[in-house]
PDB file of N, CA and C in Angstrom:
ATOM      1  N   MET A   1       0.843  -1.187   0.000  1.00  0.00           N
ATOM      2  CA  MET A   1       0.000   0.000   0.000  1.00  0.00           C
ATOM      3  C   MET A   1       0.885   1.246   0.000  1.00  0.00           C
ATOM      4  N   ASN A   2       0.589   2.191  -0.871  1.00  0.00           N
ATOM      5  CA  ASN A   2       1.366   3.425  -0.997  1.00  0.00           C
ATOM      6  C   ASN A   2       0.795   4.481  -0.059  1.00  0.00           C
ATOM      7  N   LYS A   3       1.561   4.840   0.936  1.00  0.00           N
ATOM      8  CA  LYS A   3       1.120   5.838   1.919  1.00  0.00           C
ATOM      9  C   LYS A   3       1.604   7.248   1.569  1.00  0.00           C
ATOM     10  N   SER A   4       2.084   7.436   0.336  1.00  0.00           N
ATOM     11  CA  SER A   4       2.635   8.756  -0.019  1.00  0.00           C
ATOM     12  C   SER A   4       1.579   9.853   0.023  1.00  0.00           C
ATOM     13  N   ASN A   5       0.301   9.503  -0.098  1.00  0.00           N
ATOM     14  CA  ASN A   5      -0.746  10.521   0.006  1.00  0.00           C
ATOM     15  C   ASN A   5      -0.850  11.093   1.410  1.00  0.00           C
ATOM     16  N   ASP A   6      -0.376  10.344   2.412  1.00  0.00           N
ATOM     17  CA  ASP A   6      -0.393  10.814   3.797  1.00  0.00           C
ATOM     18  C   ASP A   6       0.826  11.673   4.134  1.00  0.00           C
ATOM     19  N   LEU A   7       1.800  11.670   3.252  1.00  0.00           N
ATOM     20  CA  LEU A   7       3.040  12.409   3.482  1.00  0.00           C
ATOM     21  C   LEU A   7       2.791  13.912   3.387  1.00  0.00           C
ATOM     22  N   GLN A   8       3.334  14.659   4.330  1.00  0.00           N
ATOM     23  CA  GLN A   8       3.277  16.125   4.285  1.00  0.00           C
ATOM     24  C   GLN A   8       4.376  16.627   3.357  1.00  0.00           C
ATOM     25  N   GLN A   9       4.206  17.855   2.853  1.00  0.00           N
ATOM     26  CA  GLN A   9       5.233  18.449   1.998  1.00  0.00           C
ATOM     27  C   GLN A   9       6.558  18.498   2.753  1.00  0.00           C
ATOM     28  N   ALA A  10       7.633  18.045   2.094  1.00  0.00           N
ATOM     29  CA  ALA A  10       8.961  18.064   2.697  1.00  0.00           C
ATOM     30  C   ALA A  10       9.964  18.541   1.650  1.00  0.00           C
ATOM     31  N   TYR A  11      10.911  19.364   2.084  1.00  0.00           N
ATOM     32  CA  TYR A  11      11.896  19.920   1.167  1.00  0.00           C
ATOM     33  C   TYR A  11      13.289  19.734   1.736  1.00  0.00           C
ATOM     34  N   GLN A  12      14.221  19.440   0.857  1.00  0.00           N
ATOM     35  CA  GLN A  12      15.637  19.461   1.184  1.00  0.00           C
ATOM     36  C   GLN A  12      16.224  20.578   0.330  1.00  0.00           C
ATOM     37  N   ILE A  13      16.909  21.508   0.934  1.00  0.00           N
ATOM     38  CA  ILE A  13      17.485  22.627   0.194  1.00  0.00           C
ATOM     39  C   ILE A  13      19.001  22.489   0.188  1.00  0.00           C
ATOM     40  N   ALA A  14      19.561  22.433  -1.016  1.00  0.00           N
ATOM     41  CA  ALA A  14      21.011  22.351  -1.184  1.00  0.00           C
ATOM     42  C   ALA A  14      21.497  23.682  -1.734  1.00  0.00           C
ATOM     43  N   ILE A  15      22.408  24.316  -1.011  1.00  0.00           N
ATOM     44  CA  ILE A  15      22.981  25.586  -1.452  1.00  0.00           C
ATOM     45  C   ILE A  15      24.380  25.282  -1.987  1.00  0.00           C
ATOM     46  N   LEU A  16      24.522  25.427  -3.297  1.00  0.00           N
ATOM     47  CA  LEU A  16      25.787  25.136  -3.970  1.00  0.00           C
ATOM     48  C   LEU A  16      26.524  26.457  -4.159  1.00  0.00           C
ATOM     49  N   ALA A  17      27.581  26.659  -3.388  1.00  0.00           N
ATOM     50  CA  ALA A  17      28.195  27.982  -3.290  1.00  0.00           C
ATOM     51  C   ALA A  17      29.442  28.177  -4.144  1.00  0.00           C
ATOM     52  N   LYS A  18      30.181  27.151  -4.449  1.00  0.00           N
ATOM     53  CA  LYS A  18      31.512  27.370  -5.010  1.00  0.00           C
ATOM     54  C   LYS A  18      31.573  27.507  -6.516  1.00  0.00           C
ATOM     55  N   GLU A  19      30.969  26.591  -7.248  1.00  0.00           N
ATOM     56  CA  GLU A  19      31.098  26.639  -8.705  1.00  0.00           C
ATOM     57  C   GLU A  19      29.822  26.139  -9.351  1.00  0.00           C
ATOM     58  N   GLN A  20      29.719  26.367 -10.647  1.00  0.00           N
ATOM     59  CA  GLN A  20      28.536  25.936 -11.387  1.00  0.00           C
ATOM     60  C   GLN A  20      28.450  24.414 -11.366  1.00  0.00           C
ATOM     61  N   PHE A  21      27.267  23.897 -11.081  1.00  0.00           N
ATOM     62  CA  PHE A  21      27.049  22.457 -10.994  1.00  0.00           C
ATOM     63  C   PHE A  21      26.280  21.948 -12.208  1.00  0.00           C
ATOM     64  N   PHE A  22      25.191  22.630 -12.558  1.00  0.00           N
ATOM     65  CA  PHE A  22      24.383  22.234 -13.710  1.00  0.00           C
ATOM     66  C   PHE A  22      24.804  23.064 -14.921  1.00  0.00           C
ATOM     67  N   PRO A  23      24.692  22.507 -16.137  1.00  0.00           N
ATOM     68  CA  PRO A  23      25.236  23.188 -17.324  1.00  0.00           C
ATOM     69  C   PRO A  23      24.367  24.310 -17.892  1.00  0.00           C
ATOM     70  N   ASP A  24      23.286  24.681 -17.233  1.00  0.00           N
ATOM     71  CA  ASP A  24      22.418  25.732 -17.762  1.00  0.00           C
ATOM     72  C   ASP A  24      22.670  27.051 -17.034  1.00  0.00           C
ATOM     73  N   GLU A  25      21.851  28.052 -17.342  1.00  0.00           N
ATOM     74  CA  GLU A  25      22.004  29.380 -16.743  1.00  0.00           C
ATOM     75  C   GLU A  25      21.126  29.565 -15.499  1.00  0.00           C
ATOM     76  N   THR A  26      20.259  28.623 -15.218  1.00  0.00           N
ATOM     77  CA  THR A  26      19.289  28.745 -14.137  1.00  0.00           C
ATOM     78  C   THR A  26      19.934  28.450 -12.788  1.00  0.00           C
ATOM     79  N   PHE A  27      19.680  29.302 -11.796  1.00  0.00           N
ATOM     80  CA  PHE A  27      20.261  29.097 -10.465  1.00  0.00           C
ATOM     81  C   PHE A  27      19.371  28.233  -9.575  1.00  0.00           C
ATOM     82  N   PHE A  28      18.120  28.035  -9.961  1.00  0.00           N
ATOM     83  CA  PHE A  28      17.131  27.354  -9.117  1.00  0.00           C
ATOM     84  C   PHE A  28      16.627  26.097  -9.830  1.00  0.00           C
ATOM     85  N   HIS A  29      16.802  24.934  -9.179  1.00  0.00           N
ATOM     86  CA  HIS A  29      16.321  23.668  -9.730  1.00  0.00           C
ATOM     87  C   HIS A  29      15.525  22.932  -8.656  1.00  0.00           C
ATOM     88  N   VAL A  30      14.493  22.202  -9.093  1.00  0.00           N
ATOM     89  CA  VAL A  30      13.662  21.404  -8.176  1.00  0.00           C
ATOM     90  C   VAL A  30      13.599  19.986  -8.714  1.00  0.00           C
ATOM     91  N   PHE A  31      13.891  19.027  -7.850  1.00  0.00           N
ATOM     92  CA  PHE A  31      13.838  17.615  -8.204  1.00  0.00           C
ATOM     93  C   PHE A  31      12.863  16.908  -7.276  1.00  0.00           C
ATOM     94  N   GLU A  32      12.178  15.909  -7.811  1.00  0.00           N
ATOM     95  CA  GLU A  32      11.257  15.116  -7.011  1.00  0.00           C
ATOM     96  C   GLU A  32      11.811  13.704  -6.864  1.00  0.00           C
ATOM     97  N   TYR A  33      11.570  13.127  -5.701  1.00  0.00           N
ATOM     98  CA  TYR A  33      12.000  11.754  -5.467  1.00  0.00           C
ATOM     99  C   TYR A  33      11.150  10.781  -6.269  1.00  0.00           C
ATOM    100  N   TYR A  34      11.824   9.792  -6.872  1.00  0.00           N
ATOM    101  CA  TYR A  34      11.128   8.765  -7.625  1.00  0.00           C
ATOM    102  C   TYR A  34      12.014   7.520  -7.641  1.00  0.00           C
ATOM    103  N   ASP A  35      11.456   6.389  -7.265  1.00  0.00           N
ATOM    104  CA  ASP A  35      12.177   5.116  -7.291  1.00  0.00           C
ATOM    105  C   ASP A  35      11.949   4.489  -8.666  1.00  0.00           C
ATOM    106  N   GLN A  36      12.952   4.549  -9.540  1.00  0.00           N
ATOM    107  CA  GLN A  36      12.811   4.072 -10.914  1.00  0.00           C
ATOM    108  C   GLN A  36      12.642   2.560 -10.994  1.00  0.00           C
ATOM    109  N   ILE A  37      13.299   1.832 -10.138  1.00  0.00           N
ATOM    110  CA  ILE A  37      13.227   0.366 -10.182  1.00  0.00           C
ATOM    111  C   ILE A  37      11.827  -0.117  -9.816  1.00  0.00           C
ATOM    112  N   ARG A  38      11.284   0.410  -8.751  1.00  0.00           N
ATOM    113  CA  ARG A  38       9.967  -0.025  -8.277  1.00  0.00           C
ATOM    114  C   ARG A  38       8.824   0.848  -8.795  1.00  0.00           C
ATOM    115  N   ARG A  39       9.193   1.921  -9.513  1.00  0.00           N
ATOM    116  CA  ARG A  39       8.218   2.866 -10.079  1.00  0.00           C
ATOM    117  C   ARG A  39       7.290   3.435  -9.002  1.00  0.00           C
ATOM    118  N   ILE A  40       7.931   3.914  -7.957  1.00  0.00           N
ATOM    119  CA  ILE A  40       7.189   4.506  -6.847  1.00  0.00           C
ATOM    120  C   ILE A  40       7.496   5.991  -6.799  1.00  0.00           C
ATOM    121  N   SER A  41       6.452   6.792  -6.769  1.00  0.00           N
ATOM    122  CA  SER A  41       6.583   8.234  -6.671  1.00  0.00           C
ATOM    123  C   SER A  41       6.056   8.685  -5.309  1.00  0.00           C
ATOM    124  N   LEU A  42       6.560   9.782  -4.833  1.00  0.00           N
ATOM    125  CA  LEU A  42       6.020  10.387  -3.614  1.00  0.00           C
ATOM    126  C   LEU A  42       5.031  11.485  -3.965  1.00  0.00           C
ATOM    127  N   ASN A  43       4.566  11.466  -5.198  1.00  0.00           N
ATOM    128  CA  ASN A  43       3.544  12.398  -5.682  1.00  0.00           C
ATOM    129  C   ASN A  43       3.912  13.868  -5.473  1.00  0.00           C
ATOM    130  N   GLY A  44       5.194  14.179  -5.644  1.00  0.00           N
ATOM    131  CA  GLY A  44       5.637  15.566  -5.537  1.00  0.00           C
ATOM    132  C   GLY A  44       5.669  16.113  -4.126  1.00  0.00           C
ATOM    133  N   LYS A  45       5.515  15.256  -3.124  1.00  0.00           N
ATOM    134  CA  LYS A  45       5.457  15.742  -1.741  1.00  0.00           C
ATOM    135  C   LYS A  45       6.825  15.863  -1.083  1.00  0.00           C
ATOM    136  N   SER A  46       7.856  15.341  -1.720  1.00  0.00           N
ATOM    137  CA  SER A  46       9.206  15.454  -1.183  1.00  0.00           C
ATOM    138  C   SER A  46      10.118  15.898  -2.318  1.00  0.00           C
ATOM    139  N   ARG A  47      10.763  17.033  -2.114  1.00  0.00           N
ATOM    140  CA  ARG A  47      11.560  17.635  -3.182  1.00  0.00           C
ATOM    141  C   ARG A  47      12.940  18.046  -2.709  1.00  0.00           C
ATOM    142  N   ILE A  48      13.847  18.068  -3.652  1.00  0.00           N
ATOM    143  CA  ILE A  48      15.187  18.603  -3.426  1.00  0.00           C
ATOM    144  C   ILE A  48      15.261  19.903  -4.220  1.00  0.00           C
ATOM    145  N   ILE A  49      15.571  20.983  -3.554  1.00  0.00           N
ATOM    146  CA  ILE A  49      15.713  22.290  -4.196  1.00  0.00           C
ATOM    147  C   ILE A  49      17.191  22.656  -4.161  1.00  0.00           C
ATOM    148  N   THR A  50      17.728  23.061  -5.303  1.00  0.00           N
ATOM    149  CA  THR A  50      19.118  23.502  -5.326  1.00  0.00           C
ATOM    150  C   THR A  50      19.189  24.973  -5.715  1.00  0.00           C
ATOM    151  N   LEU A  51      20.036  25.691  -5.028  1.00  0.00           N
ATOM    152  CA  LEU A  51      20.355  27.089  -5.348  1.00  0.00           C
ATOM    153  C   LEU A  51      21.828  27.134  -5.738  1.00  0.00           C
ATOM    154  N   GLU A  52      22.106  27.508  -6.968  1.00  0.00           N
ATOM    155  CA  GLU A  52      23.490  27.650  -7.412  1.00  0.00           C
ATOM    156  C   GLU A  52      23.896  29.116  -7.303  1.00  0.00           C
ATOM    157  N   LEU A  53      24.608  29.430  -6.245  1.00  0.00           N
ATOM    158  CA  LEU A  53      24.951  30.814  -5.956  1.00  0.00           C
ATOM    159  C   LEU A  53      25.935  31.415  -6.960  1.00  0.00           C
ATOM    160  N   SER A  54      26.650  30.576  -7.692  1.00  0.00           N
ATOM    161  CA  SER A  54      27.613  31.088  -8.682  1.00  0.00           C
ATOM    162  C   SER A  54      26.927  31.698  -9.902  1.00  0.00           C
ATOM    163  N   LYS A  55      25.608  31.542 -10.019  1.00  0.00           N
ATOM    164  CA  LYS A  55      24.882  32.022 -11.198  1.00  0.00           C
ATOM    165  C   LYS A  55      24.059  33.288 -10.924  1.00  0.00           C
ATOM    166  N   LEU A  56      24.433  34.061  -9.932  1.00  0.00           N
ATOM    167  CA  LEU A  56      23.598  35.188  -9.512  1.00  0.00           C
ATOM    168  C   LEU A  56      24.085  36.556  -9.978  1.00  0.00           C
ATOM    169  N   GLU A  57      25.097  36.610 -10.830  1.00  0.00           N
ATOM    170  CA  GLU A  57      25.648  37.905 -11.235  1.00  0.00           C
ATOM    171  C   GLU A  57      24.592  38.814 -11.860  1.00  0.00           C
ATOM    172  N   LYS A  58      23.733  38.273 -12.725  1.00  0.00           N
ATOM    173  CA  LYS A  58      22.692  39.080 -13.369  1.00  0.00           C
ATOM    174  C   LYS A  58      21.559  39.391 -12.390  1.00  0.00           C
ATOM    175  N   VAL A  59      21.234  38.434 -11.559  1.00  0.00           N
ATOM    176  CA  VAL A  59      20.113  38.603 -10.622  1.00  0.00           C
ATOM    177  C   VAL A  59      20.405  39.719  -9.629  1.00  0.00           C
ATOM    178  N   VAL A  60      21.610  39.785  -9.112  1.00  0.00           N
ATOM    179  CA  VAL A  60      21.939  40.784  -8.094  1.00  0.00           C
ATOM    180  C   VAL A  60      21.865  42.203  -8.642  1.00  0.00           C
ATOM    181  N   GLU A  61      21.952  42.356  -9.957  1.00  0.00           N
ATOM    182  CA  GLU A  61      21.871  43.673 -10.570  1.00  0.00           C
ATOM    183  C   GLU A  61      20.428  44.153 -10.752  1.00  0.00           C
ATOM    184  N   LYS A  62      19.468  43.250 -10.630  1.00  0.00           N
ATOM    185  CA  LYS A  62      18.065  43.625 -10.786  1.00  0.00           C
ATOM    186  C   LYS A  62      17.613  44.491  -9.613  1.00  0.00           C
ATOM    187  N   PRO A  63      16.689  45.405  -9.854  1.00  0.00           N
ATOM    188  CA  PRO A  63      16.080  46.116  -8.723  1.00  0.00           C
ATOM    189  C   PRO A  63      15.331  45.104  -7.843  1.00  0.00           C
ATOM    190  N   VAL A  64      15.399  45.284  -6.548  1.00  0.00           N
ATOM    191  CA  VAL A  64      14.771  44.362  -5.610  1.00  0.00           C
ATOM    192  C   VAL A  64      13.280  44.216  -5.901  1.00  0.00           C
ATOM    193  N   GLU A  65      12.640  45.286  -6.316  1.00  0.00           N
ATOM    194  CA  GLU A  65      11.200  45.245  -6.586  1.00  0.00           C
ATOM    195  C   GLU A  65      10.845  44.301  -7.734  1.00  0.00           C
ATOM    196  N   GLU A  66      11.816  43.982  -8.583  1.00  0.00           N
ATOM    197  CA  GLU A  66      11.577  43.092  -9.716  1.00  0.00           C
ATOM    198  C   GLU A  66      11.969  41.645  -9.418  1.00  0.00           C
ATOM    199  N   MET A  67      12.523  41.381  -8.249  1.00  0.00           N
ATOM    200  CA  MET A  67      12.936  40.022  -7.881  1.00  0.00           C
ATOM    201  C   MET A  67      11.763  39.227  -7.341  1.00  0.00           C
ATOM    202  N   ASP A  68      11.863  37.899  -7.485  1.00  0.00           N
ATOM    203  CA  ASP A  68      10.880  37.030  -6.841  1.00  0.00           C
ATOM    204  C   ASP A  68      11.488  36.471  -5.555  1.00  0.00           C
ATOM    205  N   VAL A  69      10.715  35.722  -4.817  1.00  0.00           N
ATOM    206  CA  VAL A  69      11.150  35.231  -3.501  1.00  0.00           C
ATOM    207  C   VAL A  69      12.373  34.326  -3.619  1.00  0.00           C
ATOM    208  N   LYS A  70      12.443  33.481  -4.641  1.00  0.00           N
ATOM    209  CA  LYS A  70      13.615  32.622  -4.829  1.00  0.00           C
ATOM    210  C   LYS A  70      14.870  33.469  -4.990  1.00  0.00           C
ATOM    211  N   GLU A  71      14.744  34.552  -5.743  1.00  0.00           N
ATOM    212  CA  GLU A  71      15.888  35.433  -5.969  1.00  0.00           C
ATOM    213  C   GLU A  71      16.293  36.143  -4.679  1.00  0.00           C
ATOM    214  N   TYR A  72      15.310  36.585  -3.870  1.00  0.00           N
ATOM    215  CA  TYR A  72      15.644  37.204  -2.576  1.00  0.00           C
ATOM    216  C   TYR A  72      16.521  36.284  -1.741  1.00  0.00           C
ATOM    217  N   TRP A  73      16.056  35.045  -1.590  1.00  0.00           N
ATOM    218  CA  TRP A  73      16.784  34.104  -0.729  1.00  0.00           C
ATOM    219  C   TRP A  73      18.161  33.790  -1.284  1.00  0.00           C
ATOM    220  N   ALA A  74      18.260  33.573  -2.584  1.00  0.00           N
ATOM    221  CA  ALA A  74      19.560  33.265  -3.179  1.00  0.00           C
ATOM    222  C   ALA A  74      20.531  34.425  -2.987  1.00  0.00           C
ATOM    223  N   ILE A  75      20.070  35.649  -3.250  1.00  0.00           N
ATOM    224  CA  ILE A  75      20.918  36.837  -3.061  1.00  0.00           C
ATOM    225  C   ILE A  75      21.315  36.966  -1.592  1.00  0.00           C
ATOM    226  N   PHE A  76      20.363  36.739  -0.699  1.00  0.00           N
ATOM    227  CA  PHE A  76      20.646  36.827   0.729  1.00  0.00           C
ATOM    228  C   PHE A  76      21.758  35.853   1.113  1.00  0.00           C
ATOM    229  N   PHE A  77      21.657  34.596   0.703  1.00  0.00           N
ATOM    230  CA  PHE A  77      22.679  33.599   1.054  1.00  0.00           C
ATOM    231  C   PHE A  77      24.034  33.917   0.433  1.00  0.00           C
ATOM    232  N   LYS A  78      24.035  34.373  -0.801  1.00  0.00           N
ATOM    233  CA  LYS A  78      25.314  34.627  -1.487  1.00  0.00           C
ATOM    234  C   LYS A  78      26.026  35.865  -0.949  1.00  0.00           C
ATOM    235  N   TYR A  79      25.284  36.940  -0.681  1.00  0.00           N
ATOM    236  CA  TYR A  79      25.913  38.223  -0.406  1.00  0.00           C
ATOM    237  C   TYR A  79      25.750  38.727   1.029  1.00  0.00           C
ATOM    238  N   LEU A  80      25.272  37.903   1.922  1.00  0.00           N
ATOM    239  CA  LEU A  80      25.020  38.349   3.290  1.00  0.00           C
ATOM    240  C   LEU A  80      26.230  39.027   3.931  1.00  0.00           C
ATOM    241  N   ASN A  81      27.407  38.471   3.739  1.00  0.00           N
ATOM    242  CA  ASN A  81      28.608  39.025   4.372  1.00  0.00           C
ATOM    243  C   ASN A  81      29.459  39.873   3.436  1.00  0.00           C
ATOM    244  N   ASP A  82      28.942  40.198   2.264  1.00  0.00           N
ATOM    245  CA  ASP A  82      29.667  41.010   1.294  1.00  0.00           C
ATOM    246  C   ASP A  82      29.354  42.492   1.565  1.00  0.00           C
ATOM    247  N   LYS A  83      30.328  43.220   2.076  1.00  0.00           N
ATOM    248  CA  LYS A  83      30.110  44.627   2.428  1.00  0.00           C
ATOM    249  C   LYS A  83      29.718  45.469   1.212  1.00  0.00           C
ATOM    250  N   ASN A  84      30.161  45.081   0.015  1.00  0.00           N
ATOM    251  CA  ASN A  84      29.816  45.825  -1.198  1.00  0.00           C
ATOM    252  C   ASN A  84      28.352  45.642  -1.596  1.00  0.00           C
ATOM    253  N   ARG A  85      27.700  44.608  -1.084  1.00  0.00           N
ATOM    254  CA  ARG A  85      26.295  44.328  -1.408  1.00  0.00           C
ATOM    255  C   ARG A  85      25.366  44.548  -0.217  1.00  0.00           C
ATOM    256  N   ARG A  86      25.880  45.208   0.809  1.00  0.00           N
ATOM    257  CA  ARG A  86      25.083  45.430   2.020  1.00  0.00           C
ATOM    258  C   ARG A  86      23.798  46.196   1.727  1.00  0.00           C
ATOM    259  N   GLY A  87      23.861  47.163   0.820  1.00  0.00           N
ATOM    260  CA  GLY A  87      22.670  47.925   0.470  1.00  0.00           C
ATOM    261  C   GLY A  87      21.584  47.044  -0.124  1.00  0.00           C
ATOM    262  N   LYS A  88      21.977  46.101  -0.990  1.00  0.00           N
ATOM    263  CA  LYS A  88      21.013  45.187  -1.610  1.00  0.00           C
ATOM    264  C   LYS A  88      20.388  44.275  -0.553  1.00  0.00           C
ATOM    265  N   ILE A  89      21.205  43.773   0.353  1.00  0.00           N
ATOM    266  CA  ILE A  89      20.688  42.907   1.430  1.00  0.00           C
ATOM    267  C   ILE A  89      19.704  43.695   2.294  1.00  0.00           C
ATOM    268  N   ASN A  90      20.051  44.932   2.615  1.00  0.00           N
ATOM    269  CA  ASN A  90      19.147  45.762   3.430  1.00  0.00           C
ATOM    270  C   ASN A  90      17.827  46.021   2.705  1.00  0.00           C
ATOM    271  N   GLU A  91      17.872  46.213   1.388  1.00  0.00           N
ATOM    272  CA  GLU A  91      16.638  46.400   0.619  1.00  0.00           C
ATOM    273  C   GLU A  91      15.743  45.165   0.711  1.00  0.00           C
ATOM    274  N   ILE A  92      16.358  43.987   0.624  1.00  0.00           N
ATOM    275  CA  ILE A  92      15.587  42.738   0.720  1.00  0.00           C
ATOM    276  C   ILE A  92      14.983  42.597   2.111  1.00  0.00           C
ATOM    277  N   ILE A  93      15.770  42.880   3.129  1.00  0.00           N
ATOM    278  CA  ILE A  93      15.259  42.806   4.504  1.00  0.00           C
ATOM    279  C   ILE A  93      14.108  43.787   4.692  1.00  0.00           C
ATOM    280  N   ASP A  94      14.245  44.992   4.139  1.00  0.00           N
ATOM    281  CA  ASP A  94      13.174  45.991   4.232  1.00  0.00           C
ATOM    282  C   ASP A  94      11.891  45.498   3.585  1.00  0.00           C
ATOM    283  N   LEU A  95      12.003  44.780   2.462  1.00  0.00           N
ATOM    284  CA  LEU A  95      10.803  44.247   1.816  1.00  0.00           C
ATOM    285  C   LEU A  95      10.062  43.276   2.728  1.00  0.00           C
ATOM    286  N   PHE A  96      10.804  42.470   3.471  1.00  0.00           N
ATOM    287  CA  PHE A  96      10.165  41.524   4.382  1.00  0.00           C
ATOM    288  C   PHE A  96       9.585  42.235   5.601  1.00  0.00           C
ATOM    289  N   ASP A  97      10.223  43.323   6.011  1.00  0.00           N
ATOM    290  CA  ASP A  97       9.686  44.097   7.135  1.00  0.00           C
ATOM    291  C   ASP A  97       8.453  44.891   6.734  1.00  0.00           C
ATOM    292  N   ASN A  98       8.412  45.338   5.466  1.00  0.00           N
ATOM    293  CA  ASN A  98       7.299  46.125   4.931  1.00  0.00           C
ATOM    294  C   ASN A  98       6.883  45.544   3.591  1.00  0.00           C
ATOM    295  N   PRO A  99       6.139  44.431   3.574  1.00  0.00           N
ATOM    296  CA  PRO A  99       5.780  43.770   2.313  1.00  0.00           C
ATOM    297  C   PRO A  99       5.058  44.715   1.361  1.00  0.00           C
ATOM    298  N   VAL A 100       5.185  44.446   0.072  1.00  0.00           N
ATOM    299  CA  VAL A 100       4.525  45.243  -0.959  1.00  0.00           C
ATOM    300  C   VAL A 100       3.026  45.272  -0.647  1.00  0.00           C
ATOM    301  N   GLY A 101       2.443  46.424  -0.761  1.00  0.00           N
ATOM    302  CA  GLY A 101       1.034  46.567  -0.428  1.00  0.00           C
ATOM    303  C   GLY A 101       0.853  47.070   0.989  1.00  0.00           C
ATOM    304  N   TYR A 102       1.863  46.909   1.819  1.00  0.00           N
ATOM    305  CA  TYR A 102       1.814  47.369   3.207  1.00  0.00           C
ATOM    306  C   TYR A 102       2.866  48.442   3.464  1.00  0.00           C
ATOM    307  N   ARG A 103       3.575  48.845   2.432  1.00  0.00           N
ATOM    308  CA  ARG A 103       4.632  49.834   2.613  1.00  0.00           C
ATOM    309  C   ARG A 103       4.060  51.182   2.984  1.00  0.00           C
ATOM    310  N   THR A 104       4.777  51.845   3.828  1.00  0.00           N
ATOM    311  CA  THR A 104       4.390  53.222   4.164  1.00  0.00           C
ATOM    312  C   THR A 104       5.279  54.151   3.364  1.00  0.00           C
ATOM    313  N   SER A 105       4.761  55.308   3.018  1.00  0.00           N
ATOM    314  CA  SER A 105       5.568  56.231   2.204  1.00  0.00           C
ATOM    315  C   SER A 105       6.378  57.175   3.059  1.00  0.00           C
TER     316      SER A 105
END
């Protein structure tokens, strides 16, 4: 009996910091567990998420208002201790303190 329908959403997040791992330009990848031999799926309830921090050069140049949540987190992890990017990190933190739609002028 397959109990995967009873499984709650579970995520494993791998932060790849040193060099490019996948051959594409995308920094964010999602994989689902699947047993190929027994043909058993967890119905998308357990995933591995990878963030390739080496691929963020273009993303960090975007205005924070144009970034999505995946980009916020990736930029945060890559540049948290980079004094040259402190302003960008502070902008991201400010967005979480004052979410869009709730900002005061």
